[in-house]
Amino acid sequence: MKSLLLSIVMFFCIEHSDYYLSIKKSLELQSSSVDQISSYLTTHGWKLSLKEAETDSTRGSVEWSFDNKNGQSKAWFGVHYTEGEPNRLIYQILSKEDYDGLEKQIKGLGFVRHRTTMRKTGIRKVYRNKDNVISVDVSTEGGITGYLFSFYSIDDYMNNLDK
Protein backbone atom coordinates (compact mmCIF):
# COMPACT_ATOMS: atom_id res chain seq x y z
CA MET A 1 0.00 0.00 0.00
CA LYS A 2 2.82 2.38 0.91
CA SER A 3 4.62 1.74 -2.39
CA LEU A 4 1.37 2.22 -4.36
CA LEU A 5 0.85 5.60 -2.71
CA LEU A 6 4.47 6.57 -3.40
CA SER A 7 4.07 5.53 -7.06
CA ILE A 8 0.94 7.66 -7.42
CA VAL A 9 2.67 10.67 -5.86
CA MET A 10 5.75 10.21 -8.07
CA PHE A 11 3.57 9.89 -11.19
CA PHE A 12 1.79 13.14 -10.36
CA CYS A 13 5.08 14.95 -9.74
CA ILE A 14 6.60 13.72 -13.00
CA GLU A 15 3.44 14.54 -14.96
CA HIS A 16 3.11 17.91 -13.26
CA SER A 17 6.73 18.94 -13.66
CA ASP A 18 6.79 18.46 -17.42
CA TYR A 19 4.41 21.31 -18.23
CA TYR A 20 4.69 23.35 -15.06
CA LEU A 21 6.93 26.41 -15.41
CA SER A 22 7.74 28.40 -12.31
CA ILE A 23 7.60 32.19 -12.37
CA LYS A 24 11.37 32.26 -11.94
CA LYS A 25 11.88 29.91 -14.94
CA SER A 26 9.48 31.99 -17.07
CA LEU A 27 11.41 35.15 -16.22
CA GLU A 28 14.66 33.38 -17.18
CA LEU A 29 13.13 32.32 -20.50
CA GLN A 30 12.01 35.89 -21.14
CA SER A 31 15.62 36.95 -21.65
CA SER A 32 16.43 33.90 -23.80
CA SER A 33 16.43 33.67 -27.59
CA VAL A 34 13.53 31.97 -29.35
CA ASP A 35 15.84 29.05 -30.19
CA GLN A 36 16.87 28.66 -26.54
CA ILE A 37 13.22 28.78 -25.42
CA SER A 38 12.26 26.20 -28.03
CA SER A 39 15.11 23.92 -27.02
CA TYR A 40 14.12 24.09 -23.35
CA LEU A 41 10.42 23.46 -24.00
CA THR A 42 10.83 20.66 -26.53
CA THR A 43 13.30 18.91 -24.22
CA HIS A 44 10.52 18.91 -21.61
CA GLY A 45 7.82 17.47 -23.89
CA TRP A 46 6.25 20.60 -25.34
CA LYS A 47 5.21 20.56 -29.02
CA LEU A 48 5.51 23.47 -31.42
CA SER A 49 2.00 24.54 -32.45
CA LEU A 50 2.43 27.90 -34.22
CA LYS A 51 5.23 29.89 -35.79
CA GLU A 52 4.74 33.27 -37.46
CA ALA A 53 7.69 35.31 -38.64
CA GLU A 54 8.26 38.88 -37.58
CA THR A 55 7.22 41.50 -40.16
CA ASP A 56 7.84 45.24 -40.43
CA SER A 57 4.59 45.90 -38.54
CA THR A 58 4.15 42.91 -36.21
CA ARG A 59 6.12 40.89 -33.71
CA GLY A 60 6.98 37.32 -34.56
CA SER A 61 5.11 34.63 -32.62
CA VAL A 62 6.01 31.12 -31.61
CA GLU A 63 3.69 28.96 -29.53
CA TRP A 64 3.94 25.53 -27.97
CA SER A 65 1.35 23.31 -26.34
CA PHE A 66 1.72 20.51 -23.86
CA ASP A 67 -0.16 17.22 -24.08
CA ASN A 68 -2.57 18.28 -26.81
CA LYS A 69 -5.11 15.48 -26.97
CA ASN A 70 -8.31 15.95 -28.97
CA GLY A 71 -7.66 19.68 -29.24
CA GLN A 72 -7.30 20.09 -25.47
CA SER A 73 -3.90 20.91 -23.97
CA LYS A 74 -2.79 21.09 -20.35
CA ALA A 75 -0.78 24.25 -21.00
CA TRP A 76 0.33 26.70 -23.67
CA PHE A 77 3.45 28.84 -23.88
CA GLY A 78 4.19 31.58 -26.36
CA VAL A 79 6.85 34.16 -27.16
CA HIS A 80 6.23 37.34 -29.12
CA TYR A 81 9.51 38.77 -30.34
CA THR A 82 11.02 41.65 -32.29
CA GLU A 83 14.73 41.88 -33.02
CA GLY A 84 16.36 44.21 -30.50
CA GLU A 85 13.28 44.37 -28.22
CA PRO A 86 12.49 42.43 -25.05
CA ASN A 87 10.43 39.27 -25.50
CA ARG A 88 6.82 39.16 -24.39
CA LEU A 89 5.86 35.75 -23.01
CA ILE A 90 2.52 34.08 -22.33
CA TYR A 91 1.93 30.97 -20.27
CA GLN A 92 -1.59 29.59 -19.95
CA ILE A 93 -2.73 26.76 -17.72
CA LEU A 94 -6.05 25.24 -16.68
CA SER A 95 -5.12 23.99 -13.20
CA LYS A 96 -6.40 26.06 -10.26
CA GLU A 97 -3.79 24.44 -8.00
CA ASP A 98 -0.96 25.47 -10.33
CA TYR A 99 -2.44 28.98 -10.57
CA ASP A 100 -2.50 29.30 -6.77
CA GLY A 101 1.14 28.19 -6.57
CA LEU A 102 2.24 30.66 -9.26
CA GLU A 103 0.40 33.53 -7.54
CA LYS A 104 2.33 32.76 -4.35
CA GLN A 105 5.60 32.73 -6.30
CA ILE A 106 4.85 36.16 -7.78
CA LYS A 107 4.45 37.64 -4.32
CA GLY A 108 7.42 35.67 -2.98
CA LEU A 109 9.67 37.18 -5.66
CA GLY A 110 8.85 40.70 -4.49
CA PHE A 111 6.30 41.69 -7.12
CA VAL A 112 3.64 44.11 -5.91
CA ARG A 113 0.15 44.52 -7.32
CA HIS A 114 0.01 47.49 -9.68
CA ARG A 115 -3.69 47.25 -10.55
CA THR A 116 -6.71 44.97 -10.72
CA THR A 117 -9.29 45.26 -13.47
CA MET A 118 -12.61 43.50 -13.94
CA ARG A 119 -13.08 42.25 -17.48
CA LYS A 120 -16.04 40.85 -19.39
CA THR A 121 -15.04 37.22 -18.81
CA GLY A 122 -12.97 37.53 -15.63
CA ILE A 123 -10.34 39.53 -13.82
CA ARG A 124 -6.87 40.90 -14.62
CA LYS A 125 -4.22 41.48 -11.96
CA VAL A 126 -1.02 43.28 -12.87
CA TYR A 127 2.10 42.86 -10.72
CA ARG A 128 5.42 44.59 -11.13
CA ASN A 129 8.88 44.91 -9.70
CA LYS A 130 11.76 47.16 -10.80
CA ASP A 131 12.50 45.06 -13.93
CA ASN A 132 9.36 43.16 -14.97
CA VAL A 133 5.58 43.16 -15.17
CA ILE A 134 3.42 40.06 -14.87
CA SER A 135 -0.20 40.33 -15.95
CA VAL A 136 -2.47 37.54 -14.68
CA ASP A 137 -5.81 37.00 -16.39
CA VAL A 138 -8.36 34.63 -14.91
CA SER A 139 -11.27 34.05 -17.27
CA THR A 140 -14.06 31.56 -17.77
CA GLU A 141 -15.49 30.72 -21.15
CA GLY A 142 -17.72 27.79 -21.95
CA GLY A 143 -17.46 26.58 -18.38
CA ILE A 144 -13.65 26.29 -18.56
CA THR A 145 -11.48 28.55 -16.43
CA GLY A 146 -8.09 29.48 -17.80
CA TYR A 147 -5.18 31.23 -16.12
CA LEU A 148 -3.00 33.35 -18.40
CA PHE A 149 0.32 34.75 -17.19
CA SER A 150 1.91 37.41 -19.46
CA PHE A 151 5.50 38.55 -18.90
CA TYR A 152 6.88 41.93 -20.00
CA SER A 153 9.93 44.03 -19.30
CA ILE A 154 8.96 47.05 -17.19
CA ASP A 155 9.98 49.49 -19.95
CA ASP A 156 8.04 47.65 -22.66
CA TYR A 157 4.94 47.49 -20.48
CA MET A 158 5.03 51.10 -19.29
CA ASN A 159 5.82 52.51 -22.76
CA ASN A 160 3.52 50.34 -24.89
CA LEU A 161 0.90 48.51 -22.87
CA ASP A 162 0.00 50.43 -19.69
CA LYS A 163 -3.00 52.20 -21.12
C-alpha atoms as a PDB file:
ATOM      1  CA  MET A   1       0.000   0.000   0.000  1.00  0.00           C
ATOM      2  CA  LYS A   2       2.819   2.380   0.909  1.00  0.00           C
ATOM      3  CA  SER A   3       4.615   1.737  -2.390  1.00  0.00           C
ATOM      4  CA  LEU A   4       1.372   2.220  -4.357  1.00  0.00           C
ATOM      5  CA  LEU A   5       0.845   5.602  -2.711  1.00  0.00           C
ATOM      6  CA  LEU A   6       4.471   6.568  -3.396  1.00  0.00           C
ATOM      7  CA  SER A   7       4.069   5.529  -7.057  1.00  0.00           C
ATOM      8  CA  ILE A   8       0.943   7.663  -7.421  1.00  0.00           C
ATOM      9  CA  VAL A   9       2.671  10.674  -5.857  1.00  0.00           C
ATOM     10  CA  MET A  10       5.747  10.207  -8.068  1.00  0.00           C
ATOM     11  CA  PHE A  11       3.568   9.885 -11.195  1.00  0.00           C
ATOM     12  CA  PHE A  12       1.785  13.135 -10.355  1.00  0.00           C
ATOM     13  CA  CYS A  13       5.077  14.949  -9.742  1.00  0.00           C
ATOM     14  CA  ILE A  14       6.597  13.723 -12.996  1.00  0.00           C
ATOM     15  CA  GLU A  15       3.437  14.539 -14.957  1.00  0.00           C
ATOM     16  CA  HIS A  16       3.114  17.915 -13.255  1.00  0.00           C
ATOM     17  CA  SER A  17       6.730  18.939 -13.656  1.00  0.00           C
ATOM     18  CA  ASP A  18       6.790  18.461 -17.424  1.00  0.00           C
ATOM     19  CA  TYR A  19       4.408  21.306 -18.228  1.00  0.00           C
ATOM     20  CA  TYR A  20       4.691  23.353 -15.062  1.00  0.00           C
ATOM     21  CA  LEU A  21       6.929  26.411 -15.412  1.00  0.00           C
ATOM     22  CA  SER A  22       7.745  28.405 -12.306  1.00  0.00           C
ATOM     23  CA  ILE A  23       7.597  32.188 -12.370  1.00  0.00           C
ATOM     24  CA  LYS A  24      11.371  32.257 -11.944  1.00  0.00           C
ATOM     25  CA  LYS A  25      11.881  29.915 -14.937  1.00  0.00           C
ATOM     26  CA  SER A  26       9.484  31.990 -17.069  1.00  0.00           C
ATOM     27  CA  LEU A  27      11.413  35.152 -16.221  1.00  0.00           C
ATOM     28  CA  GLU A  28      14.660  33.379 -17.183  1.00  0.00           C
ATOM     29  CA  LEU A  29      13.135  32.320 -20.497  1.00  0.00           C
ATOM     30  CA  GLN A  30      12.005  35.895 -21.144  1.00  0.00           C
ATOM     31  CA  SER A  31      15.620  36.949 -21.650  1.00  0.00           C
ATOM     32  CA  SER A  32      16.434  33.902 -23.805  1.00  0.00           C
ATOM     33  CA  SER A  33      16.435  33.665 -27.588  1.00  0.00           C
ATOM     34  CA  VAL A  34      13.530  31.973 -29.347  1.00  0.00           C
ATOM     35  CA  ASP A  35      15.839  29.053 -30.193  1.00  0.00           C
ATOM     36  CA  GLN A  36      16.873  28.661 -26.536  1.00  0.00           C
ATOM     37  CA  ILE A  37      13.224  28.779 -25.419  1.00  0.00           C
ATOM     38  CA  SER A  38      12.261  26.202 -28.035  1.00  0.00           C
ATOM     39  CA  SER A  39      15.114  23.916 -27.021  1.00  0.00           C
ATOM     40  CA  TYR A  40      14.121  24.088 -23.351  1.00  0.00           C
ATOM     41  CA  LEU A  41      10.424  23.464 -23.999  1.00  0.00           C
ATOM     42  CA  THR A  42      10.830  20.656 -26.534  1.00  0.00           C
ATOM     43  CA  THR A  43      13.298  18.911 -24.219  1.00  0.00           C
ATOM     44  CA  HIS A  44      10.516  18.914 -21.614  1.00  0.00           C
ATOM     45  CA  GLY A  45       7.823  17.467 -23.889  1.00  0.00           C
ATOM     46  CA  TRP A  46       6.252  20.605 -25.336  1.00  0.00           C
ATOM     47  CA  LYS A  47       5.213  20.565 -29.017  1.00  0.00           C
ATOM     48  CA  LEU A  48       5.512  23.474 -31.420  1.00  0.00           C
ATOM     49  CA  SER A  49       2.004  24.538 -32.454  1.00  0.00           C
ATOM     50  CA  LEU A  50       2.426  27.904 -34.220  1.00  0.00           C
ATOM     51  CA  LYS A  51       5.231  29.894 -35.794  1.00  0.00           C
ATOM     52  CA  GLU A  52       4.740  33.266 -37.459  1.00  0.00           C
ATOM     53  CA  ALA A  53       7.686  35.307 -38.643  1.00  0.00           C
ATOM     54  CA  GLU A  54       8.258  38.880 -37.580  1.00  0.00           C
ATOM     55  CA  THR A  55       7.219  41.502 -40.155  1.00  0.00           C
ATOM     56  CA  ASP A  56       7.837  45.241 -40.431  1.00  0.00           C
ATOM     57  CA  SER A  57       4.593  45.896 -38.540  1.00  0.00           C
ATOM     58  CA  THR A  58       4.147  42.910 -36.206  1.00  0.00           C
ATOM     59  CA  ARG A  59       6.120  40.886 -33.708  1.00  0.00           C
ATOM     60  CA  GLY A  60       6.976  37.316 -34.557  1.00  0.00           C
ATOM     61  CA  SER A  61       5.115  34.634 -32.616  1.00  0.00           C
ATOM     62  CA  VAL A  62       6.014  31.121 -31.610  1.00  0.00           C
ATOM     63  CA  GLU A  63       3.687  28.965 -29.526  1.00  0.00           C
ATOM     64  CA  TRP A  64       3.944  25.531 -27.968  1.00  0.00           C
ATOM     65  CA  SER A  65       1.346  23.312 -26.343  1.00  0.00           C
ATOM     66  CA  PHE A  66       1.718  20.514 -23.858  1.00  0.00           C
ATOM     67  CA  ASP A  67      -0.156  17.216 -24.084  1.00  0.00           C
ATOM     68  CA  ASN A  68      -2.570  18.280 -26.813  1.00  0.00           C
ATOM     69  CA  LYS A  69      -5.114  15.484 -26.975  1.00  0.00           C
ATOM     70  CA  ASN A  70      -8.307  15.950 -28.966  1.00  0.00           C
ATOM     71  CA  GLY A  71      -7.662  19.678 -29.237  1.00  0.00           C
ATOM     72  CA  GLN A  72      -7.297  20.086 -25.465  1.00  0.00           C
ATOM     73  CA  SER A  73      -3.903  20.913 -23.972  1.00  0.00           C
ATOM     74  CA  LYS A  74      -2.794  21.087 -20.346  1.00  0.00           C
ATOM     75  CA  ALA A  75      -0.777  24.245 -20.999  1.00  0.00           C
ATOM     76  CA  TRP A  76       0.327  26.704 -23.675  1.00  0.00           C
ATOM     77  CA  PHE A  77       3.449  28.836 -23.885  1.00  0.00           C
ATOM     78  CA  GLY A  78       4.195  31.577 -26.365  1.00  0.00           C
ATOM     79  CA  VAL A  79       6.846  34.160 -27.163  1.00  0.00           C
ATOM     80  CA  HIS A  80       6.227  37.338 -29.121  1.00  0.00           C
ATOM     81  CA  TYR A  81       9.509  38.773 -30.336  1.00  0.00           C
ATOM     82  CA  THR A  82      11.018  41.649 -32.288  1.00  0.00           C
ATOM     83  CA  GLU A  83      14.729  41.878 -33.019  1.00  0.00           C
ATOM     84  CA  GLY A  84      16.357  44.215 -30.499  1.00  0.00           C
ATOM     85  CA  GLU A  85      13.278  44.372 -28.223  1.00  0.00           C
ATOM     86  CA  PRO A  86      12.492  42.433 -25.047  1.00  0.00           C
ATOM     87  CA  ASN A  87      10.434  39.266 -25.496  1.00  0.00           C
ATOM     88  CA  ARG A  88       6.820  39.156 -24.389  1.00  0.00           C
ATOM     89  CA  LEU A  89       5.855  35.750 -23.008  1.00  0.00           C
ATOM     90  CA  ILE A  90       2.522  34.082 -22.330  1.00  0.00           C
ATOM     91  CA  TYR A  91       1.926  30.971 -20.265  1.00  0.00           C
ATOM     92  CA  GLN A  92      -1.593  29.590 -19.948  1.00  0.00           C
ATOM     93  CA  ILE A  93      -2.730  26.757 -17.720  1.00  0.00           C
ATOM     94  CA  LEU A  94      -6.051  25.237 -16.681  1.00  0.00           C
ATOM     95  CA  SER A  95      -5.123  23.992 -13.201  1.00  0.00           C
ATOM     96  CA  LYS A  96      -6.396  26.056 -10.261  1.00  0.00           C
ATOM     97  CA  GLU A  97      -3.788  24.437  -8.000  1.00  0.00           C
ATOM     98  CA  ASP A  98      -0.958  25.473 -10.326  1.00  0.00           C
ATOM     99  CA  TYR A  99      -2.436  28.976 -10.571  1.00  0.00           C
ATOM    100  CA  ASP A 100      -2.497  29.299  -6.771  1.00  0.00           C
ATOM    101  CA  GLY A 101       1.139  28.190  -6.570  1.00  0.00           C
ATOM    102  CA  LEU A 102       2.238  30.661  -9.259  1.00  0.00           C
ATOM    103  CA  GLU A 103       0.398  33.527  -7.539  1.00  0.00           C
ATOM    104  CA  LYS A 104       2.333  32.763  -4.347  1.00  0.00           C
ATOM    105  CA  GLN A 105       5.595  32.729  -6.298  1.00  0.00           C
ATOM    106  CA  ILE A 106       4.854  36.162  -7.778  1.00  0.00           C
ATOM    107  CA  LYS A 107       4.446  37.642  -4.316  1.00  0.00           C
ATOM    108  CA  GLY A 108       7.421  35.673  -2.979  1.00  0.00           C
ATOM    109  CA  LEU A 109       9.667  37.177  -5.659  1.00  0.00           C
ATOM    110  CA  GLY A 110       8.850  40.703  -4.491  1.00  0.00           C
ATOM    111  CA  PHE A 111       6.298  41.690  -7.121  1.00  0.00           C
ATOM    112  CA  VAL A 112       3.641  44.112  -5.911  1.00  0.00           C
ATOM    113  CA  ARG A 113       0.154  44.523  -7.317  1.00  0.00           C
ATOM    114  CA  HIS A 114       0.005  47.486  -9.684  1.00  0.00           C
ATOM    115  CA  ARG A 115      -3.688  47.250 -10.552  1.00  0.00           C
ATOM    116  CA  THR A 116      -6.708  44.970 -10.720  1.00  0.00           C
ATOM    117  CA  THR A 117      -9.294  45.259 -13.472  1.00  0.00           C
ATOM    118  CA  MET A 118     -12.613  43.495 -13.936  1.00  0.00           C
ATOM    119  CA  ARG A 119     -13.084  42.246 -17.478  1.00  0.00           C
ATOM    120  CA  LYS A 120     -16.036  40.853 -19.393  1.00  0.00           C
ATOM    121  CA  THR A 121     -15.037  37.217 -18.805  1.00  0.00           C
ATOM    122  CA  GLY A 122     -12.972  37.529 -15.626  1.00  0.00           C
ATOM    123  CA  ILE A 123     -10.344  39.533 -13.815  1.00  0.00           C
ATOM    124  CA  ARG A 124      -6.873  40.901 -14.616  1.00  0.00           C
ATOM    125  CA  LYS A 125      -4.219  41.482 -11.958  1.00  0.00           C
ATOM    126  CA  VAL A 126      -1.015  43.280 -12.873  1.00  0.00           C
ATOM    127  CA  TYR A 127       2.098  42.857 -10.720  1.00  0.00           C
ATOM    128  CA  ARG A 128       5.417  44.592 -11.131  1.00  0.00           C
ATOM    129  CA  ASN A 129       8.878  44.913  -9.704  1.00  0.00           C
ATOM    130  CA  LYS A 130      11.759  47.158 -10.799  1.00  0.00           C
ATOM    131  CA  ASP A 131      12.496  45.057 -13.929  1.00  0.00           C
ATOM    132  CA  ASN A 132       9.363  43.161 -14.973  1.00  0.00           C
ATOM    133  CA  VAL A 133       5.582  43.164 -15.170  1.00  0.00           C
ATOM    134  CA  ILE A 134       3.421  40.057 -14.870  1.00  0.00           C
ATOM    135  CA  SER A 135      -0.199  40.325 -15.952  1.00  0.00           C
ATOM    136  CA  VAL A 136      -2.467  37.542 -14.679  1.00  0.00           C
ATOM    137  CA  ASP A 137      -5.815  36.998 -16.387  1.00  0.00           C
ATOM    138  CA  VAL A 138      -8.365  34.630 -14.911  1.00  0.00           C
ATOM    139  CA  SER A 139     -11.266  34.052 -17.265  1.00  0.00           C
ATOM    140  CA  THR A 140     -14.055  31.562 -17.773  1.00  0.00           C
ATOM    141  CA  GLU A 141     -15.492  30.722 -21.148  1.00  0.00           C
ATOM    142  CA  GLY A 142     -17.724  27.790 -21.952  1.00  0.00           C
ATOM    143  CA  GLY A 143     -17.459  26.579 -18.376  1.00  0.00           C
ATOM    144  CA  ILE A 144     -13.655  26.286 -18.562  1.00  0.00           C
ATOM    145  CA  THR A 145     -11.483  28.550 -16.428  1.00  0.00           C
ATOM    146  CA  GLY A 146      -8.086  29.480 -17.803  1.00  0.00           C
ATOM    147  CA  TYR A 147      -5.179  31.231 -16.117  1.00  0.00           C
ATOM    148  CA  LEU A 148      -3.001  33.348 -18.399  1.00  0.00           C
ATOM    149  CA  PHE A 149       0.324  34.753 -17.194  1.00  0.00           C
ATOM    150  CA  SER A 150       1.912  37.408 -19.456  1.00  0.00           C
ATOM    151  CA  PHE A 151       5.498  38.546 -18.896  1.00  0.00           C
ATOM    152  CA  TYR A 152       6.881  41.926 -19.999  1.00  0.00           C
ATOM    153  CA  SER A 153       9.932  44.026 -19.298  1.00  0.00           C
ATOM    154  CA  ILE A 154       8.957  47.051 -17.195  1.00  0.00           C
ATOM    155  CA  ASP A 155       9.979  49.489 -19.951  1.00  0.00           C
ATOM    156  CA  ASP A 156       8.043  47.648 -22.657  1.00  0.00           C
ATOM    157  CA  TYR A 157       4.938  47.486 -20.481  1.00  0.00           C
ATOM    158  CA  MET A 158       5.034  51.103 -19.295  1.00  0.00           C
ATOM    159  CA  ASN A 159       5.824  52.512 -22.763  1.00  0.00           C
ATOM    160  CA  ASN A 160       3.524  50.343 -24.890  1.00  0.00           C
ATOM    161  CA  LEU A 161       0.902  48.513 -22.869  1.00  0.00           C
ATOM    162  CA  ASP A 162       0.003  50.425 -19.687  1.00  0.00           C
ATOM    163  CA  LYS A 163      -2.997  52.204 -21.119  1.00  0.00           C
END
